[in-house]
């Protein structure tokens, strides 16, 4: 069974840093893309960052230059390093693994979410 376990959220002041971790099990980790999403109260869940199996990355414009996604295939872990945090980064952050068949995404696996709160 696929399981994604997140950790690293917390409360920080604006300008501070956090590193989120997501440990995956039940998948061939190095064959899958991984992503981080976030959802703030009253807003839709949005893609924050994505990393492919060959280490290509993409970021939302709002976090580009401040956040860094990385993966450790030996530890089956994906990270999100968040620097220069802003109050608008406050959200629940979710780890994601898409299931793709013949070029089409058919399912998403999600972690339980970890709360990030940035105070001003």
C-alpha atoms as a PDB file:
ATOM      1  CA  UNK A   1       0.000   0.000   0.000  1.00  0.00           C
ATOM      2  CA  UNK A   2       1.286   3.451  -0.907  1.00  0.00           C
ATOM      3  CA  UNK A   3       1.861   5.738   2.048  1.00  0.00           C
ATOM      4  CA  UNK A   4       3.227   9.281   2.185  1.00  0.00           C
ATOM      5  CA  UNK A   5       4.218  10.627   5.601  1.00  0.00           C
ATOM      6  CA  UNK A   6       4.975  14.337   5.943  1.00  0.00           C
ATOM      7  CA  UNK A   7       6.766  16.247   8.673  1.00  0.00           C
ATOM      8  CA  UNK A   8       8.526  19.547   9.312  1.00  0.00           C
ATOM      9  CA  UNK A   9       5.693  22.046   9.503  1.00  0.00           C
ATOM     10  CA  UNK A  10       5.448  24.612  12.254  1.00  0.00           C
ATOM     11  CA  UNK A  11       5.172  28.261  13.226  1.00  0.00           C
ATOM     12  CA  UNK A  12       7.809  30.736  12.071  1.00  0.00           C
ATOM     13  CA  UNK A  13       8.164  34.490  11.730  1.00  0.00           C
ATOM     14  CA  UNK A  14       8.221  36.174   8.351  1.00  0.00           C
ATOM     15  CA  UNK A  15      11.653  35.821   6.795  1.00  0.00           C
ATOM     16  CA  UNK A  16      12.314  32.511   8.514  1.00  0.00           C
ATOM     17  CA  UNK A  17      12.830  29.037   7.082  1.00  0.00           C
ATOM     18  CA  UNK A  18      11.373  25.548   7.318  1.00  0.00           C
ATOM     19  CA  UNK A  19      12.181  22.249   5.643  1.00  0.00           C
ATOM     20  CA  UNK A  20       9.361  19.828   4.926  1.00  0.00           C
ATOM     21  CA  UNK A  21       9.984  16.109   4.446  1.00  0.00           C
ATOM     22  CA  UNK A  22       7.850  13.399   2.856  1.00  0.00           C
ATOM     23  CA  UNK A  23       8.797   9.746   3.222  1.00  0.00           C
ATOM     24  CA  UNK A  24       7.218   7.443   0.638  1.00  0.00           C
ATOM     25  CA  UNK A  25       6.594   3.714   0.851  1.00  0.00           C
ATOM     26  CA  UNK A  26       4.866   1.200  -1.394  1.00  0.00           C
ATOM     27  CA  UNK A  27       6.081   2.766  -4.650  1.00  0.00           C
ATOM     28  CA  UNK A  28       9.137   2.570  -6.850  1.00  0.00           C
ATOM     29  CA  UNK A  29      10.281   5.939  -5.620  1.00  0.00           C
ATOM     30  CA  UNK A  30      12.886   6.733  -8.245  1.00  0.00           C
ATOM     31  CA  UNK A  31      10.440   6.050 -11.096  1.00  0.00           C
ATOM     32  CA  UNK A  32       7.887   8.662 -10.010  1.00  0.00           C
ATOM     33  CA  UNK A  33       7.535  12.399 -10.103  1.00  0.00           C
ATOM     34  CA  UNK A  34       6.806  14.017  -6.723  1.00  0.00           C
ATOM     35  CA  UNK A  35       5.134  17.269  -5.834  1.00  0.00           C
ATOM     36  CA  UNK A  36       4.250  19.617  -3.017  1.00  0.00           C
ATOM     37  CA  UNK A  37       0.866  21.315  -2.921  1.00  0.00           C
ATOM     38  CA  UNK A  38      -0.629  23.702  -0.409  1.00  0.00           C
ATOM     39  CA  UNK A  39      -4.107  24.773   0.590  1.00  0.00           C
ATOM     40  CA  UNK A  40      -4.930  27.906   2.551  1.00  0.00           C
ATOM     41  CA  UNK A  41      -8.322  28.476   4.222  1.00  0.00           C
ATOM     42  CA  UNK A  42     -10.961  29.382   1.653  1.00  0.00           C
ATOM     43  CA  UNK A  43      -8.668  28.684  -1.295  1.00  0.00           C
ATOM     44  CA  UNK A  44      -8.137  25.785  -3.681  1.00  0.00           C
ATOM     45  CA  UNK A  45      -5.206  23.448  -3.372  1.00  0.00           C
ATOM     46  CA  UNK A  46      -2.366  24.683  -5.568  1.00  0.00           C
ATOM     47  CA  UNK A  47       0.856  23.216  -6.886  1.00  0.00           C
ATOM     48  CA  UNK A  48       3.914  24.646  -5.154  1.00  0.00           C
ATOM     49  CA  UNK A  49       6.757  22.600  -6.619  1.00  0.00           C
ATOM     50  CA  UNK A  50       7.352  19.453  -8.636  1.00  0.00           C
ATOM     51  CA  UNK A  51      10.378  17.241  -9.218  1.00  0.00           C
ATOM     52  CA  UNK A  52      10.625  14.543 -11.878  1.00  0.00           C
ATOM     53  CA  UNK A  53      12.368  11.184 -11.782  1.00  0.00           C
ATOM     54  CA  UNK A  54      15.334  12.726 -13.600  1.00  0.00           C
ATOM     55  CA  UNK A  55      15.487  15.688 -11.158  1.00  0.00           C
ATOM     56  CA  UNK A  56      13.840  18.291 -13.325  1.00  0.00           C
ATOM     57  CA  UNK A  57      11.966  20.895 -11.266  1.00  0.00           C
ATOM     58  CA  UNK A  58       9.121  23.361 -11.618  1.00  0.00           C
ATOM     59  CA  UNK A  59       7.888  26.004  -9.182  1.00  0.00           C
ATOM     60  CA  UNK A  60       4.896  28.224  -8.763  1.00  0.00           C
ATOM     61  CA  UNK A  61       5.762  31.823  -9.594  1.00  0.00           C
ATOM     62  CA  UNK A  62       4.879  32.855  -6.053  1.00  0.00           C
ATOM     63  CA  UNK A  63       7.644  30.719  -4.519  1.00  0.00           C
ATOM     64  CA  UNK A  64      10.301  30.770  -7.235  1.00  0.00           C
ATOM     65  CA  UNK A  65      13.647  31.803  -5.809  1.00  0.00           C
ATOM     66  CA  UNK A  66      12.547  31.123  -2.227  1.00  0.00           C
ATOM     67  CA  UNK A  67      11.618  27.414  -2.190  1.00  0.00           C
ATOM     68  CA  UNK A  68      13.687  24.436  -3.324  1.00  0.00           C
ATOM     69  CA  UNK A  69      12.380  20.919  -3.946  1.00  0.00           C
ATOM     70  CA  UNK A  70      14.760  17.966  -3.828  1.00  0.00           C
ATOM     71  CA  UNK A  71      14.663  14.192  -3.515  1.00  0.00           C
ATOM     72  CA  UNK A  72      16.786  11.465  -1.961  1.00  0.00           C
ATOM     73  CA  UNK A  73      16.066   8.165  -3.688  1.00  0.00           C
ATOM     74  CA  UNK A  74      18.038   6.144  -1.131  1.00  0.00           C
ATOM     75  CA  UNK A  75      15.865   7.485   1.707  1.00  0.00           C
ATOM     76  CA  UNK A  76      12.681   7.486  -0.416  1.00  0.00           C
ATOM     77  CA  UNK A  77      12.186  11.083   0.657  1.00  0.00           C
ATOM     78  CA  UNK A  78      11.254  14.336  -1.028  1.00  0.00           C
ATOM     79  CA  UNK A  79      12.005  17.684   0.624  1.00  0.00           C
ATOM     80  CA  UNK A  80      10.767  21.224   0.343  1.00  0.00           C
ATOM     81  CA  UNK A  81      13.208  23.812   1.656  1.00  0.00           C
ATOM     82  CA  UNK A  82      11.311  27.045   2.302  1.00  0.00           C
ATOM     83  CA  UNK A  83      13.299  30.239   2.828  1.00  0.00           C
ATOM     84  CA  UNK A  84      12.263  33.884   3.158  1.00  0.00           C
ATOM     85  CA  UNK A  85       8.811  32.799   4.261  1.00  0.00           C
ATOM     86  CA  UNK A  86       5.918  35.235   3.960  1.00  0.00           C
ATOM     87  CA  UNK A  87       2.557  35.303   5.759  1.00  0.00           C
ATOM     88  CA  UNK A  88       0.870  34.399   2.465  1.00  0.00           C
ATOM     89  CA  UNK A  89       2.756  31.083   2.544  1.00  0.00           C
ATOM     90  CA  UNK A  90       0.571  30.017   5.474  1.00  0.00           C
ATOM     91  CA  UNK A  91      -1.257  26.833   4.458  1.00  0.00           C
ATOM     92  CA  UNK A  92      -1.453  23.099   4.898  1.00  0.00           C
ATOM     93  CA  UNK A  93       1.232  21.541   2.716  1.00  0.00           C
ATOM     94  CA  UNK A  94       0.656  18.151   1.070  1.00  0.00           C
ATOM     95  CA  UNK A  95       3.020  15.674  -0.547  1.00  0.00           C
ATOM     96  CA  UNK A  96       1.777  14.226  -3.842  1.00  0.00           C
ATOM     97  CA  UNK A  97       2.612  11.301  -6.123  1.00  0.00           C
ATOM     98  CA  UNK A  98       0.740  11.130  -9.436  1.00  0.00           C
ATOM     99  CA  UNK A  99       0.006   7.795 -11.090  1.00  0.00           C
ATOM    100  CA  UNK A 100       0.446   8.096 -14.854  1.00  0.00           C
ATOM    101  CA  UNK A 101      -0.589   5.433 -17.373  1.00  0.00           C
ATOM    102  CA  UNK A 102       0.193   5.907 -21.063  1.00  0.00           C
ATOM    103  CA  UNK A 103       0.826   9.584 -20.520  1.00  0.00           C
ATOM    104  CA  UNK A 104      -2.405  10.235 -18.622  1.00  0.00           C
ATOM    105  CA  UNK A 105      -2.676  10.850 -14.884  1.00  0.00           C
ATOM    106  CA  UNK A 106      -5.270   8.481 -13.463  1.00  0.00           C
ATOM    107  CA  UNK A 107      -4.797   8.898  -9.696  1.00  0.00           C
ATOM    108  CA  UNK A 108      -3.059  10.983  -7.050  1.00  0.00           C
ATOM    109  CA  UNK A 109      -1.627   9.737  -3.781  1.00  0.00           C
ATOM    110  CA  UNK A 110      -1.548  12.316  -0.987  1.00  0.00           C
ATOM    111  CA  UNK A 111       0.098  12.707   2.375  1.00  0.00           C
ATOM    112  CA  UNK A 112      -1.835  13.722   5.472  1.00  0.00           C
ATOM    113  CA  UNK A 113      -0.672  17.332   5.296  1.00  0.00           C
ATOM    114  CA  UNK A 114       1.503  19.428   7.577  1.00  0.00           C
ATOM    115  CA  UNK A 115       0.599  22.913   8.802  1.00  0.00           C
ATOM    116  CA  UNK A 116       2.881  25.842   8.015  1.00  0.00           C
ATOM    117  CA  UNK A 117       2.069  29.132   9.729  1.00  0.00           C
ATOM    118  CA  UNK A 118       4.069  32.299   9.056  1.00  0.00           C
ATOM    119  CA  UNK A 119       3.478  35.212  11.400  1.00  0.00           C
ATOM    120  CA  UNK A 120       4.089  38.869  10.579  1.00  0.00           C
END
